[in-house]
Amino acid sequence: MPIYEYLCDDCATAFEKFVRYPEKDVVLCPACGHERVTRQISHFGFPVPGKVKEPYKGPHKEDFKPITHDD
């Protein structure tokens, strides 16, 4: 069962819910109990094997060239 993110149209509460059939199931806001909720677009991430060899540690001094002033 996928997890969907919702936003209540009445009280603006954001929440997640396991929903088997999002088009058929009635989803109620857990804060106010209203049925008027909007399903939000969710962001997700997944690892891609071989793409990241080590965590990002910020810019390296080799990434920057020294500034020279040509007069």
C-alpha atoms as a PDB file:
ATOM      1  CA  MET A   1       0.000   0.000   0.000  1.00  0.00           C
ATOM      2  CA  PRO A   2       1.529   3.332  -0.981  1.00  0.00           C
ATOM      3  CA  ILE A   3       1.790   6.325   1.318  1.00  0.00           C
ATOM      4  CA  TYR A   4       0.165   9.478  -0.012  1.00  0.00           C
ATOM      5  CA  GLU A   5       0.631  13.027   1.218  1.00  0.00           C
ATOM      6  CA  TYR A   6      -2.453  15.195   1.690  1.00  0.00           C
ATOM      7  CA  LEU A   7      -3.258  18.782   2.615  1.00  0.00           C
ATOM      8  CA  CYS A   8      -6.550  19.632   4.321  1.00  0.00           C
ATOM      9  CA  ASP A   9      -8.480  22.319   2.453  1.00  0.00           C
ATOM     10  CA  ASP A  10     -10.157  23.509   5.673  1.00  0.00           C
ATOM     11  CA  CYS A  11      -7.402  23.689   8.311  1.00  0.00           C
ATOM     12  CA  ALA A  12      -4.243  23.411   6.091  1.00  0.00           C
ATOM     13  CA  THR A  13      -2.905  20.400   7.998  1.00  0.00           C
ATOM     14  CA  ALA A  14      -0.389  18.352   6.008  1.00  0.00           C
ATOM     15  CA  PHE A  15      -0.426  14.605   6.674  1.00  0.00           C
ATOM     16  CA  GLU A  16       0.487  11.214   5.207  1.00  0.00           C
ATOM     17  CA  LYS A  17      -1.803   8.215   4.920  1.00  0.00           C
ATOM     18  CA  PHE A  18      -1.639   4.635   3.677  1.00  0.00           C
ATOM     19  CA  VAL A  19      -4.287   4.399   0.968  1.00  0.00           C
ATOM     20  CA  ARG A  20      -5.075   1.292  -1.048  1.00  0.00           C
ATOM     21  CA  TYR A  21      -7.335   2.943  -3.641  1.00  0.00           C
ATOM     22  CA  PRO A  22      -6.760   6.745  -3.673  1.00  0.00           C
ATOM     23  CA  GLU A  23      -9.592   7.384  -6.129  1.00  0.00           C
ATOM     24  CA  LYS A  24     -12.172   5.398  -4.092  1.00  0.00           C
ATOM     25  CA  ASP A  25     -11.111   5.582  -0.433  1.00  0.00           C
ATOM     26  CA  VAL A  26     -12.393   8.439   1.694  1.00  0.00           C
ATOM     27  CA  VAL A  27      -9.509  10.279   3.368  1.00  0.00           C
ATOM     28  CA  LEU A  28     -10.308  12.396   6.420  1.00  0.00           C
ATOM     29  CA  CYS A  29      -8.096  15.076   7.956  1.00  0.00           C
ATOM     30  CA  PRO A  30      -6.710  13.765  11.275  1.00  0.00           C
ATOM     31  CA  ALA A  31      -6.830  17.258  12.821  1.00  0.00           C
ATOM     32  CA  CYS A  32     -10.347  18.467  11.982  1.00  0.00           C
ATOM     33  CA  GLY A  33     -12.050  15.405  10.462  1.00  0.00           C
ATOM     34  CA  HIS A  34     -13.050  17.080   7.200  1.00  0.00           C
ATOM     35  CA  GLU A  35     -13.196  15.133   3.976  1.00  0.00           C
ATOM     36  CA  ARG A  36     -11.978  17.982   1.744  1.00  0.00           C
ATOM     37  CA  VAL A  37      -8.311  17.101   1.311  1.00  0.00           C
ATOM     38  CA  THR A  38      -5.993  17.506  -1.673  1.00  0.00           C
ATOM     39  CA  ARG A  39      -3.409  14.897  -2.569  1.00  0.00           C
ATOM     40  CA  GLN A  40       0.033  16.484  -2.864  1.00  0.00           C
ATOM     41  CA  ILE A  41       2.862  15.672  -5.239  1.00  0.00           C
ATOM     42  CA  SER A  42       5.432  13.704  -3.284  1.00  0.00           C
ATOM     43  CA  HIS A  43       9.177  13.776  -3.677  1.00  0.00           C
ATOM     44  CA  PHE A  44      11.096  10.585  -3.331  1.00  0.00           C
ATOM     45  CA  GLY A  45      14.659   9.461  -3.694  1.00  0.00           C
ATOM     46  CA  PHE A  46      16.405   6.227  -4.311  1.00  0.00           C
ATOM     47  CA  PRO A  47      20.078   5.302  -4.510  1.00  0.00           C
ATOM     48  CA  VAL A  48      21.648   4.777  -7.900  1.00  0.00           C
ATOM     49  CA  PRO A  49      24.380   2.148  -7.624  1.00  0.00           C
ATOM     50  CA  GLY A  50      27.813   3.388  -8.629  1.00  0.00           C
ATOM     51  CA  LYS A  51      26.868   7.066  -8.936  1.00  0.00           C
ATOM     52  CA  VAL A  52      28.068   8.368  -5.555  1.00  0.00           C
ATOM     53  CA  LYS A  53      31.367   7.039  -4.286  1.00  0.00           C
ATOM     54  CA  GLU A  54      31.714   9.270  -1.229  1.00  0.00           C
ATOM     55  CA  PRO A  55      29.583  11.884   0.498  1.00  0.00           C
ATOM     56  CA  TYR A  56      29.809  15.480  -0.688  1.00  0.00           C
ATOM     57  CA  LYS A  57      32.232  17.427   1.487  1.00  0.00           C
ATOM     58  CA  GLY A  58      31.838  20.875  -0.028  1.00  0.00           C
ATOM     59  CA  PRO A  59      33.943  22.750  -2.574  1.00  0.00           C
ATOM     60  CA  HIS A  60      37.614  21.889  -2.816  1.00  0.00           C
ATOM     61  CA  LYS A  61      40.351  24.462  -3.277  1.00  0.00           C
ATOM     62  CA  GLU A  62      41.213  22.771  -6.579  1.00  0.00           C
ATOM     63  CA  ASP A  63      37.780  23.836  -7.863  1.00  0.00           C
ATOM     64  CA  PHE A  64      38.739  27.514  -7.748  1.00  0.00           C
ATOM     65  CA  LYS A  65      41.390  29.328  -9.752  1.00  0.00           C
ATOM     66  CA  PRO A  66      43.329  32.157  -8.140  1.00  0.00           C
ATOM     67  CA  ILE A  67      42.319  35.660  -9.168  1.00  0.00           C
ATOM     68  CA  THR A  68      45.028  37.466 -11.130  1.00  0.00           C
ATOM     69  CA  HIS A  69      44.967  41.146 -11.946  1.00  0.00           C
ATOM     70  CA  ASP A  70      46.528  41.906 -15.306  1.00  0.00           C
ATOM     71  CA  ASP A  71      47.391  45.611 -15.493  1.00  0.00           C
END
